[in-house]
Amino acid sequence: MNHKMLWALILALLLLFGCGGKAAAPQPAQKEGVVFVDPNAATAVPAATAEPVSAEATAAPAEATPEPEAAPAGEPEEPPAVPELYFESKGVRMEPWMEAAPVLAALGDPIGSFEADSCAYIGKDLFYWYPGFELTVNEVEGVNRITAVTVADDTVTIPQGLRIYDDEEKLLDILGGEEMNGLYTYQNGQTMLLIQVKEAEGSRRIASIEYRVAADQ
């Protein structure tokens, strides 16, 4: 075999092995921040899609509506304070236990008078009648004293703003108090005011008004 034929055989062999497989194409160098996808790689299965988040879940929590505070229990109303208790006529002030002589002199002659044996005091009860009211006088330790002032009719309004035949509601508005057997009793110092209430024409009305000496005198 001459040299030409030998080189021809070597060249044929080289061509034969070179066509049997392709050399892997060189991959370009990766640059930072760039992702290269191999077109021959299998397609990746996407991860399971997350469940959609509802608007309610992402919404800001609603502020809790504060419960209304319970209204404080109303405090019980205090009854009206008992005013100073006295009776007055023609500018003359009268109270139980006052000395009777100056009062009788200031009032002038009564319409009428009489006396009777006393059940509560020693001696006699002395009664003096004046327009719209009556005075009861008793001797106490040698001194004649007023022991009661009784309103006789509805022509007289007492200093506390009431008169006979006024409605019971007016009495309660002015003096308050509690009824016991149809009688309202008030005390201020040595004076007691007794007001009796009875049914009249479909309502409860004042039937009598009397000032007396307090029981502790």
C-alpha atoms as a PDB file:
ATOM      1  CA  MET A   1       0.000   0.000   0.000  1.00  0.00           C
ATOM      2  CA  ASN A   2       1.492   3.224  -1.062  1.00  0.00           C
ATOM      3  CA  HIS A   3       1.335   6.431   0.966  1.00  0.00           C
ATOM      4  CA  LYS A   4      -1.608   7.940  -0.927  1.00  0.00           C
ATOM      5  CA  MET A   5      -3.813   5.010  -0.239  1.00  0.00           C
ATOM      6  CA  LEU A   6      -2.868   5.057   3.499  1.00  0.00           C
ATOM      7  CA  TRP A   7      -3.808   8.709   3.925  1.00  0.00           C
ATOM      8  CA  ALA A   8      -7.052   8.148   2.059  1.00  0.00           C
ATOM      9  CA  LEU A   9      -7.956   5.317   4.484  1.00  0.00           C
ATOM     10  CA  ILE A  10      -7.120   7.434   7.588  1.00  0.00           C
ATOM     11  CA  LEU A  11      -9.194  10.318   6.247  1.00  0.00           C
ATOM     12  CA  ALA A  12     -12.163   7.994   5.609  1.00  0.00           C
ATOM     13  CA  LEU A  13     -11.969   6.659   9.176  1.00  0.00           C
ATOM     14  CA  LEU A  14     -11.888  10.169  10.615  1.00  0.00           C
ATOM     15  CA  LEU A  15     -14.961  11.165   8.630  1.00  0.00           C
ATOM     16  CA  LEU A  16     -16.775   8.010   9.717  1.00  0.00           C
ATOM     17  CA  PHE A  17     -16.223   8.584  13.488  1.00  0.00           C
ATOM     18  CA  GLY A  18     -17.017  12.332  13.221  1.00  0.00           C
ATOM     19  CA  CYS A  19     -20.521  11.722  11.757  1.00  0.00           C
ATOM     20  CA  GLY A  20     -21.460   9.096  14.378  1.00  0.00           C
ATOM     21  CA  GLY A  21     -22.233  11.665  17.142  1.00  0.00           C
ATOM     22  CA  LYS A  22     -22.362  15.346  17.557  1.00  0.00           C
ATOM     23  CA  ALA A  23     -20.356  16.981  20.225  1.00  0.00           C
ATOM     24  CA  ALA A  24     -22.498  18.759  22.882  1.00  0.00           C
ATOM     25  CA  ALA A  25     -22.895  22.385  22.014  1.00  0.00           C
ATOM     26  CA  PRO A  26     -21.135  24.561  24.482  1.00  0.00           C
ATOM     27  CA  GLN A  27     -23.594  26.357  26.910  1.00  0.00           C
ATOM     28  CA  PRO A  28     -23.219  30.063  27.135  1.00  0.00           C
ATOM     29  CA  ALA A  29     -21.899  31.274  30.434  1.00  0.00           C
ATOM     30  CA  GLN A  30     -24.689  32.259  32.913  1.00  0.00           C
ATOM     31  CA  LYS A  31     -24.863  35.794  33.925  1.00  0.00           C
ATOM     32  CA  GLU A  32     -25.993  36.854  37.410  1.00  0.00           C
ATOM     33  CA  GLY A  33     -29.686  37.662  37.465  1.00  0.00           C
ATOM     34  CA  VAL A  34     -30.538  35.849  34.217  1.00  0.00           C
ATOM     35  CA  VAL A  35     -32.159  32.430  34.087  1.00  0.00           C
ATOM     36  CA  PHE A  36     -31.516  30.267  31.060  1.00  0.00           C
ATOM     37  CA  VAL A  37     -33.998  27.543  30.220  1.00  0.00           C
ATOM     38  CA  ASP A  38     -32.838  24.417  28.545  1.00  0.00           C
ATOM     39  CA  PRO A  39     -35.219  23.868  25.611  1.00  0.00           C
ATOM     40  CA  ASN A  40     -34.554  20.139  25.805  1.00  0.00           C
ATOM     41  CA  ALA A  41     -35.422  19.900  29.472  1.00  0.00           C
ATOM     42  CA  ALA A  42     -38.797  18.431  30.439  1.00  0.00           C
ATOM     43  CA  THR A  43     -41.450  20.988  31.154  1.00  0.00           C
ATOM     44  CA  ALA A  44     -41.731  21.477  34.916  1.00  0.00           C
ATOM     45  CA  VAL A  45     -45.086  20.727  36.467  1.00  0.00           C
ATOM     46  CA  PRO A  46     -46.347  23.933  38.115  1.00  0.00           C
ATOM     47  CA  ALA A  47     -46.876  23.783  41.794  1.00  0.00           C
ATOM     48  CA  ALA A  48     -50.452  23.496  43.015  1.00  0.00           C
ATOM     49  CA  THR A  49     -52.136  26.810  42.811  1.00  0.00           C
ATOM     50  CA  ALA A  50     -52.896  28.238  46.281  1.00  0.00           C
ATOM     51  CA  GLU A  51     -56.538  28.610  47.186  1.00  0.00           C
ATOM     52  CA  PRO A  52     -57.817  32.106  46.435  1.00  0.00           C
ATOM     53  CA  VAL A  53     -57.941  34.344  49.463  1.00  0.00           C
ATOM     54  CA  SER A  54     -61.366  35.820  50.048  1.00  0.00           C
ATOM     55  CA  ALA A  55     -61.878  39.534  50.482  1.00  0.00           C
ATOM     56  CA  GLU A  56     -63.298  38.866  53.944  1.00  0.00           C
ATOM     57  CA  ALA A  57     -60.057  37.217  55.005  1.00  0.00           C
ATOM     58  CA  THR A  58     -57.937  40.127  53.837  1.00  0.00           C
ATOM     59  CA  ALA A  59     -60.250  42.835  55.082  1.00  0.00           C
ATOM     60  CA  ALA A  60     -59.228  44.626  58.252  1.00  0.00           C
ATOM     61  CA  PRO A  61     -61.092  43.290  61.269  1.00  0.00           C
ATOM     62  CA  ALA A  62     -64.168  45.335  61.994  1.00  0.00           C
ATOM     63  CA  GLU A  63     -64.060  47.262  65.218  1.00  0.00           C
ATOM     64  CA  ALA A  64     -66.239  45.683  67.830  1.00  0.00           C
ATOM     65  CA  THR A  65     -69.247  47.824  68.574  1.00  0.00           C
ATOM     66  CA  PRO A  66     -69.081  48.677  72.259  1.00  0.00           C
ATOM     67  CA  GLU A  67     -72.114  47.579  74.206  1.00  0.00           C
ATOM     68  CA  PRO A  68     -74.064  50.497  75.581  1.00  0.00           C
ATOM     69  CA  GLU A  69     -73.367  51.065  79.220  1.00  0.00           C
ATOM     70  CA  ALA A  70     -76.212  50.281  81.488  1.00  0.00           C
ATOM     71  CA  ALA A  71     -77.856  53.407  82.734  1.00  0.00           C
ATOM     72  CA  PRO A  72     -77.185  53.892  86.406  1.00  0.00           C
ATOM     73  CA  ALA A  73     -80.129  53.078  88.524  1.00  0.00           C
ATOM     74  CA  GLY A  74     -81.927  56.195  89.337  1.00  0.00           C
ATOM     75  CA  GLU A  75     -81.476  57.274  92.888  1.00  0.00           C
ATOM     76  CA  PRO A  76     -84.679  57.366  94.885  1.00  0.00           C
ATOM     77  CA  GLU A  77     -86.071  60.851  95.137  1.00  0.00           C
ATOM     78  CA  GLU A  78     -85.858  62.370  98.553  1.00  0.00           C
ATOM     79  CA  PRO A  79     -89.162  63.532  99.991  1.00  0.00           C
ATOM     80  CA  PRO A  80     -89.614  67.285 100.243  1.00  0.00           C
ATOM     81  CA  ALA A  81     -88.181  68.708 103.444  1.00  0.00           C
ATOM     82  CA  VAL A  82     -90.841  69.543 106.002  1.00  0.00           C
ATOM     83  CA  PRO A  83     -91.082  73.335 106.096  1.00  0.00           C
ATOM     84  CA  GLU A  84     -91.426  75.396 109.239  1.00  0.00           C
ATOM     85  CA  LEU A  85     -94.885  74.650 110.591  1.00  0.00           C
ATOM     86  CA  TYR A  86     -97.003  77.516 111.859  1.00  0.00           C
ATOM     87  CA  PHE A  87    -100.352  79.161 111.205  1.00  0.00           C
ATOM     88  CA  GLU A  88    -100.940  82.828 110.435  1.00  0.00           C
ATOM     89  CA  SER A  89    -103.976  85.097 110.240  1.00  0.00           C
ATOM     90  CA  LYS A  90    -104.194  88.905 110.062  1.00  0.00           C
ATOM     91  CA  GLY A  91    -100.395  89.001 110.270  1.00  0.00           C
ATOM     92  CA  VAL A  92    -100.434  87.186 113.607  1.00  0.00           C
ATOM     93  CA  ARG A  93     -98.271  84.083 113.804  1.00  0.00           C
ATOM     94  CA  MET A  94     -99.565  81.168 115.857  1.00  0.00           C
ATOM     95  CA  GLU A  95     -97.828  77.978 116.914  1.00  0.00           C
ATOM     96  CA  PRO A  96     -98.728  75.300 119.429  1.00  0.00           C
ATOM     97  CA  TRP A  97     -97.142  75.871 122.830  1.00  0.00           C
ATOM     98  CA  MET A  98     -96.975  79.652 122.410  1.00  0.00           C
ATOM     99  CA  GLU A  99     -98.284  81.722 125.304  1.00  0.00           C
ATOM    100  CA  ALA A 100    -101.904  82.464 124.438  1.00  0.00           C
ATOM    101  CA  ALA A 101    -102.439  85.933 125.933  1.00  0.00           C
ATOM    102  CA  PRO A 102    -100.358  87.950 123.388  1.00  0.00           C
ATOM    103  CA  VAL A 103    -101.934  86.093 120.472  1.00  0.00           C
ATOM    104  CA  LEU A 104    -105.488  86.577 121.714  1.00  0.00           C
ATOM    105  CA  ALA A 105    -104.833  90.260 122.253  1.00  0.00           C
ATOM    106  CA  ALA A 106    -103.442  90.670 118.714  1.00  0.00           C
ATOM    107  CA  LEU A 107    -106.370  88.833 117.096  1.00  0.00           C
ATOM    108  CA  GLY A 108    -109.032  90.868 118.853  1.00  0.00           C
ATOM    109  CA  ASP A 109    -112.431  89.658 119.942  1.00  0.00           C
ATOM    110  CA  PRO A 110    -113.318  86.179 118.683  1.00  0.00           C
ATOM    111  CA  ILE A 111    -116.563  85.313 116.928  1.00  0.00           C
ATOM    112  CA  GLY A 112    -117.322  83.006 119.822  1.00  0.00           C
ATOM    113  CA  SER A 113    -115.774  80.984 122.627  1.00  0.00           C
ATOM    114  CA  PHE A 114    -116.630  78.210 125.064  1.00  0.00           C
ATOM    115  CA  GLU A 115    -114.919  75.832 127.467  1.00  0.00           C
ATOM    116  CA  ALA A 116    -115.143  72.134 128.337  1.00  0.00           C
ATOM    117  CA  ASP A 117    -113.438  69.682 130.636  1.00  0.00           C
ATOM    118  CA  SER A 118    -110.073  68.677 129.142  1.00  0.00           C
ATOM    119  CA  CYS A 119    -109.189  65.083 128.357  1.00  0.00           C
ATOM    120  CA  ALA A 120    -105.502  65.808 127.680  1.00  0.00           C
ATOM    121  CA  TYR A 121    -104.697  68.565 130.162  1.00  0.00           C
ATOM    122  CA  ILE A 122    -105.606  69.482 133.712  1.00  0.00           C
ATOM    123  CA  GLY A 123    -108.594  71.805 133.966  1.00  0.00           C
ATOM    124  CA  LYS A 124    -110.511  73.135 130.972  1.00  0.00           C
ATOM    125  CA  ASP A 125    -110.106  73.271 127.211  1.00  0.00           C
ATOM    126  CA  LEU A 126    -110.743  76.867 126.116  1.00  0.00           C
ATOM    127  CA  PHE A 127    -111.952  77.329 122.517  1.00  0.00           C
ATOM    128  CA  TYR A 128    -111.837  80.625 120.583  1.00  0.00           C
ATOM    129  CA  TRP A 129    -113.430  80.921 117.135  1.00  0.00           C
ATOM    130  CA  TYR A 130    -112.197  83.293 114.436  1.00  0.00           C
ATOM    131  CA  PRO A 131    -113.076  83.580 110.742  1.00  0.00           C
ATOM    132  CA  GLY A 132    -111.853  80.356 109.162  1.00  0.00           C
ATOM    133  CA  PHE A 133    -110.038  78.844 112.177  1.00  0.00           C
ATOM    134  CA  GLU A 134    -110.233  77.952 115.842  1.00  0.00           C
ATOM    135  CA  LEU A 135    -107.737  78.160 118.743  1.00  0.00           C
ATOM    136  CA  THR A 136    -107.578  75.683 121.600  1.00  0.00           C
ATOM    137  CA  VAL A 137    -105.965  76.966 124.795  1.00  0.00           C
ATOM    138  CA  ASN A 138    -105.005  75.005 127.919  1.00  0.00           C
ATOM    139  CA  GLU A 139    -103.425  75.918 131.204  1.00  0.00           C
ATOM    140  CA  VAL A 140     -99.989  74.299 131.493  1.00  0.00           C
ATOM    141  CA  GLU A 141     -98.028  74.851 134.698  1.00  0.00           C
ATOM    142  CA  GLY A 142     -99.923  78.043 135.461  1.00  0.00           C
ATOM    143  CA  VAL A 143     -99.629  79.535 131.927  1.00  0.00           C
ATOM    144  CA  ASN A 144    -102.346  79.510 129.261  1.00  0.00           C
ATOM    145  CA  ARG A 145    -100.803  78.117 126.092  1.00  0.00           C
ATOM    146  CA  ILE A 146    -102.063  77.435 122.576  1.00  0.00           C
ATOM    147  CA  THR A 147    -102.334  73.667 122.247  1.00  0.00           C
ATOM    148  CA  ALA A 148    -104.079  73.457 118.828  1.00  0.00           C
ATOM    149  CA  VAL A 149    -104.984  75.521 115.776  1.00  0.00           C
ATOM    150  CA  THR A 150    -107.781  74.019 113.670  1.00  0.00           C
ATOM    151  CA  VAL A 151    -108.704  75.224 110.163  1.00  0.00           C
ATOM    152  CA  ALA A 152    -112.486  75.481 109.973  1.00  0.00           C
ATOM    153  CA  ASP A 153    -113.225  75.847 106.248  1.00  0.00           C
ATOM    154  CA  ASP A 154    -111.813  76.332 102.741  1.00  0.00           C
ATOM    155  CA  THR A 155    -111.649  80.132 103.036  1.00  0.00           C
ATOM    156  CA  VAL A 156    -108.248  79.812 104.727  1.00  0.00           C
ATOM    157  CA  THR A 157    -105.001  78.881 102.983  1.00  0.00           C
ATOM    158  CA  ILE A 158    -102.303  77.855 105.438  1.00  0.00           C
ATOM    159  CA  PRO A 159     -98.736  79.216 105.069  1.00  0.00           C
ATOM    160  CA  GLN A 160     -97.658  75.844 103.638  1.00  0.00           C
ATOM    161  CA  GLY A 161     -99.858  76.543 100.581  1.00  0.00           C
ATOM    162  CA  LEU A 162    -102.777  74.190 101.240  1.00  0.00           C
ATOM    163  CA  ARG A 163    -106.426  74.531 102.156  1.00  0.00           C
ATOM    164  CA  ILE A 164    -109.375  72.274 102.852  1.00  0.00           C
ATOM    165  CA  TYR A 165    -110.705  70.540  99.711  1.00  0.00           C
ATOM    166  CA  ASP A 166    -107.380  70.640  97.863  1.00  0.00           C
ATOM    167  CA  ASP A 167    -106.564  67.466  95.931  1.00  0.00           C
ATOM    168  CA  GLU A 168    -104.325  64.872  97.592  1.00  0.00           C
ATOM    169  CA  GLU A 169    -101.814  65.168  94.732  1.00  0.00           C
ATOM    170  CA  LYS A 170    -101.241  68.819  95.592  1.00  0.00           C
ATOM    171  CA  LEU A 171    -100.563  67.818  99.186  1.00  0.00           C
ATOM    172  CA  LEU A 172     -97.999  65.245  98.042  1.00  0.00           C
ATOM    173  CA  ASP A 173     -96.336  67.709  95.670  1.00  0.00           C
ATOM    174  CA  ILE A 174     -95.874  70.238  98.467  1.00  0.00           C
ATOM    175  CA  LEU A 175     -95.218  68.131 101.555  1.00  0.00           C
ATOM    176  CA  GLY A 176     -94.809  64.534 100.384  1.00  0.00           C
ATOM    177  CA  GLY A 177     -95.327  62.051 103.169  1.00  0.00           C
ATOM    178  CA  GLU A 178     -97.149  58.766 103.643  1.00  0.00           C
ATOM    179  CA  GLU A 179    -100.764  58.229 104.558  1.00  0.00           C
ATOM    180  CA  MET A 180    -101.771  56.212 107.614  1.00  0.00           C
ATOM    181  CA  ASN A 181    -105.515  55.517 107.891  1.00  0.00           C
ATOM    182  CA  GLY A 182    -106.316  58.591 105.817  1.00  0.00           C
ATOM    183  CA  LEU A 183    -104.048  60.869 107.862  1.00  0.00           C
ATOM    184  CA  TYR A 184    -100.804  62.592 106.850  1.00  0.00           C
ATOM    185  CA  THR A 185     -98.627  63.690 109.768  1.00  0.00           C
ATOM    186  CA  TYR A 186     -95.674  66.102 109.627  1.00  0.00           C
ATOM    187  CA  GLN A 187     -93.440  67.387 112.415  1.00  0.00           C
ATOM    188  CA  ASN A 188     -90.998  70.244 112.635  1.00  0.00           C
ATOM    189  CA  GLY A 189     -89.676  71.050 116.077  1.00  0.00           C
ATOM    190  CA  GLN A 190     -92.469  71.150 118.672  1.00  0.00           C
ATOM    191  CA  THR A 191     -95.252  71.471 116.074  1.00  0.00           C
ATOM    192  CA  MET A 192     -97.174  68.668 114.362  1.00  0.00           C
ATOM    193  CA  LEU A 193     -99.339  69.237 111.291  1.00  0.00           C
ATOM    194  CA  LEU A 194    -102.128  66.693 110.786  1.00  0.00           C
ATOM    195  CA  ILE A 195    -103.949  66.626 107.428  1.00  0.00           C
ATOM    196  CA  GLN A 196    -106.829  64.229 106.864  1.00  0.00           C
ATOM    197  CA  VAL A 197    -107.759  63.091 103.351  1.00  0.00           C
ATOM    198  CA  LYS A 198    -111.134  61.624 102.314  1.00  0.00           C
ATOM    199  CA  GLU A 199    -112.963  60.637  99.126  1.00  0.00           C
ATOM    200  CA  ALA A 200    -115.015  63.489  97.720  1.00  0.00           C
ATOM    201  CA  GLU A 201    -116.650  63.700  94.283  1.00  0.00           C
ATOM    202  CA  GLY A 202    -114.571  60.888  92.832  1.00  0.00           C
ATOM    203  CA  SER A 203    -111.172  62.004  94.143  1.00  0.00           C
ATOM    204  CA  ARG A 204    -109.261  62.180  97.409  1.00  0.00           C
ATOM    205  CA  ARG A 205    -109.296  65.633  98.953  1.00  0.00           C
ATOM    206  CA  ILE A 206    -108.163  67.356 102.124  1.00  0.00           C
ATOM    207  CA  ALA A 207    -110.955  67.156 104.719  1.00  0.00           C
ATOM    208  CA  SER A 208    -109.279  68.721 107.768  1.00  0.00           C
ATOM    209  CA  ILE A 209    -106.096  70.587 108.767  1.00  0.00           C
ATOM    210  CA  GLU A 210    -104.879  70.924 112.337  1.00  0.00           C
ATOM    211  CA  TYR A 211    -101.718  72.039 114.131  1.00  0.00           C
ATOM    212  CA  ARG A 212    -100.983  70.333 117.451  1.00  0.00           C
ATOM    213  CA  VAL A 213     -98.229  70.101 120.033  1.00  0.00           C
ATOM    214  CA  ALA A 214     -95.730  67.365 119.128  1.00  0.00           C
ATOM    215  CA  ALA A 215     -96.115  64.222 121.213  1.00  0.00           C
ATOM    216  CA  ASP A 216     -92.603  64.549 122.652  1.00  0.00           C
ATOM    217  CA  GLN A 217     -93.361  67.924 124.264  1.00  0.00           C
END
